[in-house]
Protein backbone atom coordinates (compact mmCIF):
# COMPACT_ATOMS: atom_id res chain seq x y z
CA MET A 1 65.69 113.13 -31.64
CA LYS A 2 63.04 114.28 -34.19
CA LEU A 3 63.35 111.29 -36.08
CA LEU A 4 62.39 109.33 -32.56
CA VAL A 5 59.69 111.50 -31.75
CA MET A 6 57.90 111.33 -35.38
CA GLU A 7 58.11 107.55 -35.43
CA THR A 8 56.93 107.32 -31.67
CA LYS A 9 53.85 109.35 -33.00
CA LEU A 10 53.44 107.04 -36.08
CA HIS A 11 53.46 103.78 -34.10
CA LEU A 12 50.86 105.15 -31.34
CA ARG A 13 48.61 105.70 -33.87
CA ASP A 14 48.66 102.22 -35.23
CA TRP A 15 47.03 101.20 -32.06
CA PRO A 16 45.58 98.00 -33.06
CA THR A 17 49.05 96.24 -33.97
CA LEU A 18 50.42 97.59 -30.36
CA LEU A 19 46.83 96.29 -28.73
CA PHE A 20 47.62 92.70 -30.43
CA THR A 21 51.42 92.66 -29.57
CA ILE A 22 50.94 93.56 -26.07
CA GLY A 23 47.37 91.88 -25.70
CA LEU A 24 48.24 88.35 -27.43
CA PRO A 25 50.98 87.04 -24.73
CA VAL A 26 49.25 88.48 -21.90
CA GLY A 27 45.79 87.05 -22.93
CA LEU A 28 47.44 83.56 -23.88
CA LEU A 29 49.38 83.48 -20.18
CA ILE A 30 46.09 84.24 -18.17
CA VAL A 31 43.91 81.80 -20.06
CA LEU A 32 46.62 78.90 -19.89
CA GLY A 33 47.31 80.17 -16.02
CA PHE A 34 43.48 79.60 -15.50
CA SER A 35 42.85 76.30 -17.35
CA ILE A 36 45.97 74.45 -17.15
CA PRO A 37 46.48 72.60 -13.42
CA GLY A 38 49.69 73.30 -12.02
CA PHE A 39 50.64 75.63 -14.73
CA THR A 40 52.25 78.52 -11.97
CA GLU A 41 53.01 75.75 -9.54
CA GLN A 42 55.09 72.63 -9.31
CA GLN A 43 56.33 70.07 -6.31
CA GLU A 44 59.76 69.49 -6.05
CA GLY A 45 61.22 67.88 -3.01
CA GLY A 46 57.83 68.42 -1.38
CA GLN A 47 58.38 72.26 -1.51
CA ARG A 48 56.30 74.54 -4.10
CA ILE A 49 58.06 76.12 -6.47
CA VAL A 50 57.22 78.68 -9.27
CA ASP A 51 56.91 77.21 -12.94
CA THR A 52 58.73 80.11 -14.93
CA HIS A 53 58.73 78.07 -18.26
CA MET A 54 55.67 79.63 -19.78
CA PRO A 55 56.02 83.27 -18.59
CA SER A 56 59.36 83.63 -19.90
CA VAL A 57 58.07 81.96 -23.17
CA MET A 58 54.89 84.46 -23.35
CA VAL A 59 57.89 87.49 -23.25
CA LEU A 60 59.81 85.55 -26.06
CA LEU A 61 56.45 85.14 -27.99
CA SER A 62 55.58 89.03 -27.64
CA LEU A 63 58.94 89.98 -28.74
CA LEU A 64 59.40 87.52 -31.89
CA THR A 65 55.98 89.20 -32.89
CA LEU A 66 57.54 92.56 -32.77
CA SER A 67 60.66 91.62 -34.45
CA CYS A 68 60.01 89.28 -37.08
CA SER A 69 55.89 90.68 -38.25
CA VAL A 70 55.48 94.31 -36.93
CA LEU A 71 59.15 95.73 -37.56
CA PRO A 72 59.80 94.77 -40.72
CA ALA A 73 56.10 95.49 -42.30
CA VAL A 74 56.69 99.53 -41.08
CA LEU A 75 60.55 99.41 -42.99
CA ALA A 76 59.28 97.75 -45.92
CA THR A 77 55.89 99.94 -46.41
CA TYR A 78 58.19 103.11 -45.65
CA ARG A 79 60.38 101.68 -48.70
CA GLN A 80 57.66 101.23 -50.77
CA GLN A 81 55.64 104.21 -50.12
CA GLY A 82 58.93 106.47 -51.13
CA VAL A 83 59.28 107.75 -47.45
CA LEU A 84 62.87 106.33 -46.94
CA ARG A 85 63.59 108.12 -50.66
CA ARG A 86 62.79 111.06 -49.47
CA MET A 87 64.80 110.62 -46.01
CA SER A 88 68.06 109.84 -48.20
CA THR A 89 68.06 113.32 -49.44
CA THR A 90 68.69 114.50 -46.16
CA PRO A 91 71.61 113.96 -43.86
CA VAL A 92 69.94 111.21 -41.83
CA HIS A 93 72.33 108.14 -41.60
CA PRO A 94 70.72 104.56 -41.94
CA ALA A 95 72.09 103.80 -38.69
CA ARG A 96 69.67 106.35 -37.11
CA VAL A 97 66.92 105.02 -39.21
CA LEU A 98 67.27 102.01 -37.78
CA GLY A 99 68.38 102.96 -34.18
CA ALA A 100 64.88 104.78 -34.16
CA GLN A 101 62.96 101.52 -35.18
CA LEU A 102 64.76 99.46 -32.66
CA LEU A 103 64.31 101.64 -29.55
CA ILE A 104 60.80 102.41 -30.40
CA ASN A 105 60.13 98.93 -30.42
CA LEU A 106 62.21 98.08 -27.78
CA ALA A 107 59.99 100.37 -25.59
CA VAL A 108 56.90 98.31 -27.06
CA GLY A 109 58.47 95.14 -25.83
CA THR A 110 59.32 96.52 -22.45
CA VAL A 111 55.72 97.74 -21.72
CA ALA A 112 54.62 94.69 -23.19
CA THR A 113 56.61 92.52 -20.53
CA ILE A 114 55.70 94.70 -17.78
CA VAL A 115 51.98 94.28 -18.40
CA MET A 116 52.65 90.72 -18.45
CA ILE A 117 54.45 90.21 -15.35
CA VAL A 118 51.79 92.28 -13.53
CA ALA A 119 48.92 90.84 -15.23
CA GLY A 120 50.21 87.26 -14.09
CA TRP A 121 51.01 88.29 -10.60
CA LEU A 122 47.44 89.86 -10.09
CA ALA A 123 45.71 87.19 -11.97
CA PHE A 124 47.05 84.19 -10.44
CA GLY A 125 49.73 84.73 -8.12
CA ALA A 126 52.50 84.15 -10.96
CA ALA A 127 56.15 85.29 -9.33
CA PRO A 128 57.78 88.05 -11.12
CA PRO A 129 61.56 87.49 -11.95
CA ARG A 130 63.66 86.91 -8.98
CA GLN A 131 67.21 87.99 -10.51
CA TRP A 132 65.78 91.45 -11.41
CA ALA A 133 69.32 93.21 -12.44
CA TRP A 134 70.33 89.92 -14.53
CA PHE A 135 66.57 89.78 -16.03
CA VAL A 136 67.00 93.52 -17.20
CA LEU A 137 70.31 92.76 -18.98
CA VAL A 138 69.35 89.40 -20.53
CA PHE A 139 66.04 91.26 -21.67
CA LEU A 140 67.79 94.29 -23.01
CA LEU A 141 70.35 92.24 -24.70
CA GLY A 142 67.99 89.46 -26.47
CA THR A 143 65.48 92.06 -27.40
CA ALA A 144 67.96 94.23 -29.33
CA ALA A 145 69.54 90.96 -30.77
CA LEU A 146 65.92 89.92 -32.19
CA LEU A 147 65.03 93.27 -33.09
CA SER A 148 68.14 93.30 -35.38
CA ILE A 149 66.76 90.20 -36.86
CA GLY A 150 63.80 92.05 -37.82
CA LEU A 151 66.00 94.74 -39.27
CA VAL A 152 68.00 92.46 -41.56
CA ILE A 153 64.42 91.07 -42.84
CA ALA A 154 62.91 94.70 -43.55
CA ALA A 155 66.18 95.51 -45.27
CA LEU A 156 66.12 92.54 -48.05
CA ALA A 157 62.33 92.40 -48.18
CA PRO A 158 61.63 93.42 -51.77
CA SER A 159 57.99 94.72 -51.04
CA ALA A 160 55.69 95.74 -48.15
CA LYS A 161 53.39 92.44 -48.86
CA SER A 162 56.23 90.38 -48.70
CA ALA A 163 57.83 91.43 -45.51
CA PRO A 164 55.57 89.56 -43.25
CA GLY A 165 55.84 86.48 -44.81
CA ILE A 166 59.54 86.24 -44.76
CA GLY A 167 59.03 87.13 -41.10
CA SER A 168 57.01 84.39 -40.49
CA MET A 169 59.31 81.96 -42.22
CA VAL A 170 62.11 83.39 -39.54
CA MET A 171 59.65 83.40 -36.74
CA PHE A 172 58.43 80.01 -36.50
CA PRO A 173 61.51 78.22 -36.46
CA LEU A 174 63.01 80.71 -34.01
CA MET A 175 60.10 80.06 -31.84
CA PHE A 176 60.51 76.14 -31.70
CA LEU A 177 64.14 76.70 -31.12
CA GLY A 178 63.12 78.91 -28.12
CA GLY A 179 61.03 76.35 -26.88
CA VAL A 180 57.77 77.87 -27.29
CA TRP A 181 56.04 74.78 -28.41
CA VAL A 182 58.51 72.10 -26.98
CA PRO A 183 60.69 72.98 -23.94
CA ARG A 184 64.21 73.23 -24.22
CA GLU A 185 64.69 70.52 -21.38
CA VAL A 186 62.90 67.62 -23.44
CA MET A 187 64.49 68.60 -26.74
CA PRO A 188 66.90 65.58 -28.08
CA ASP A 189 70.62 66.30 -28.00
CA ALA A 190 71.27 67.66 -31.09
CA LEU A 191 68.33 69.90 -31.73
CA ARG A 192 69.28 71.44 -28.16
CA VAL A 193 72.82 72.32 -29.65
CA VAL A 194 71.21 73.91 -32.49
CA SER A 195 68.87 75.85 -30.08
CA ASP A 196 72.06 76.63 -27.69
CA PHE A 197 73.35 78.61 -30.70
CA SER A 198 70.17 80.22 -32.15
CA VAL A 199 69.52 83.66 -30.81
CA ALA A 200 66.06 82.57 -29.32
CA GLY A 201 67.35 79.70 -27.63
CA PRO A 202 69.89 81.09 -25.34
CA PHE A 203 67.69 84.17 -24.69
CA ALA A 204 64.81 82.02 -23.66
CA GLN A 205 66.77 79.89 -21.32
CA ALA A 206 68.57 82.94 -20.03
CA LEU A 207 65.09 84.80 -19.36
CA LYS A 208 63.92 81.30 -17.63
CA ASP A 209 66.83 81.22 -15.47
CA THR A 210 66.84 84.91 -13.95
CA TRP A 211 63.07 84.47 -13.70
CA GLY A 212 63.32 81.61 -11.40
CA GLY A 213 66.47 83.20 -9.28
CA GLN A 214 69.44 81.87 -11.11
CA PRO A 215 72.04 83.90 -13.18
CA PRO A 216 72.26 83.33 -16.82
CA GLN A 217 74.79 81.09 -18.38
CA LEU A 218 78.02 82.88 -19.62
CA LEU A 219 77.56 81.01 -23.21
CA HIS A 220 74.26 82.13 -23.38
CA LEU A 221 74.93 85.71 -23.26
CA VAL A 222 77.62 85.63 -25.71
CA VAL A 223 75.64 83.89 -28.15
CA VAL A 224 72.79 86.47 -27.70
CA ALA A 225 75.39 89.34 -28.11
CA ALA A 226 77.02 87.76 -30.79
CA GLY A 227 73.88 87.77 -32.54
CA LEU A 228 73.45 91.54 -31.65
CA ALA A 229 76.59 92.50 -33.26
CA VAL A 230 76.24 90.21 -36.25
CA PHE A 231 72.44 90.85 -37.32
CA GLY A 232 73.11 94.50 -35.98
CA GLY A 233 75.97 95.08 -38.63
CA LEU A 234 73.98 93.37 -41.65
CA ALA A 235 71.11 95.51 -40.96
CA VAL A 236 73.02 98.44 -41.36
CA ARG A 237 75.23 97.13 -44.41
CA SER A 238 72.19 95.62 -46.29
CA PHE A 239 69.89 98.86 -45.82
CA ARG A 240 68.09 100.13 -48.93
CA TRP A 241 66.42 103.57 -49.05
CA GLU A 242 64.64 102.29 -52.23
């Protein structure tokens, strides 16, 4: 608990990074909502439906920014400055250090998502997630899986300067596979299969399904849970104090 409180204070002091992480996807959602006709509404069978693709994609963008950019840079800086080396002389287990970072960034991602949902609803009437229980489960599971990837990047990055670059090399392919630039529905079949077995693709699709009122597919939940187990285990095993 002391470690968690200390890390929370340090994150709150770095308010420009928090503002960017929360503000960027919210700003993009609002700009797109006002500038693209039919962005939040479509016609299907004579009935008006709400487009859930872009809101769910903006949530994914925010979480990928946290996981692949913010989190690795923090831990790599701690290692380079000797903070982790001093921690190694205490009874603190690596799993507790990584767990504190995961919980803090999970909280930041949760705040960013709530702000995004409220901003979209107030700005242009974008509907909130319709399957709240499933949405929360998918969000927590997928966010933890993405943050575990970030913890692996942080563990393997040789320096604080290299961590953001390595994170970017991981983040942009995951953004593509998650449908940030090309919707998964129009991807070629072979590419969609690759997307289905990445962490970002199933997570993005499960977010979209629960946002639109459908339960997530079992395969997507299994893939995301497997990603959390694999990358979480790798993060703990590959963790280096210095």
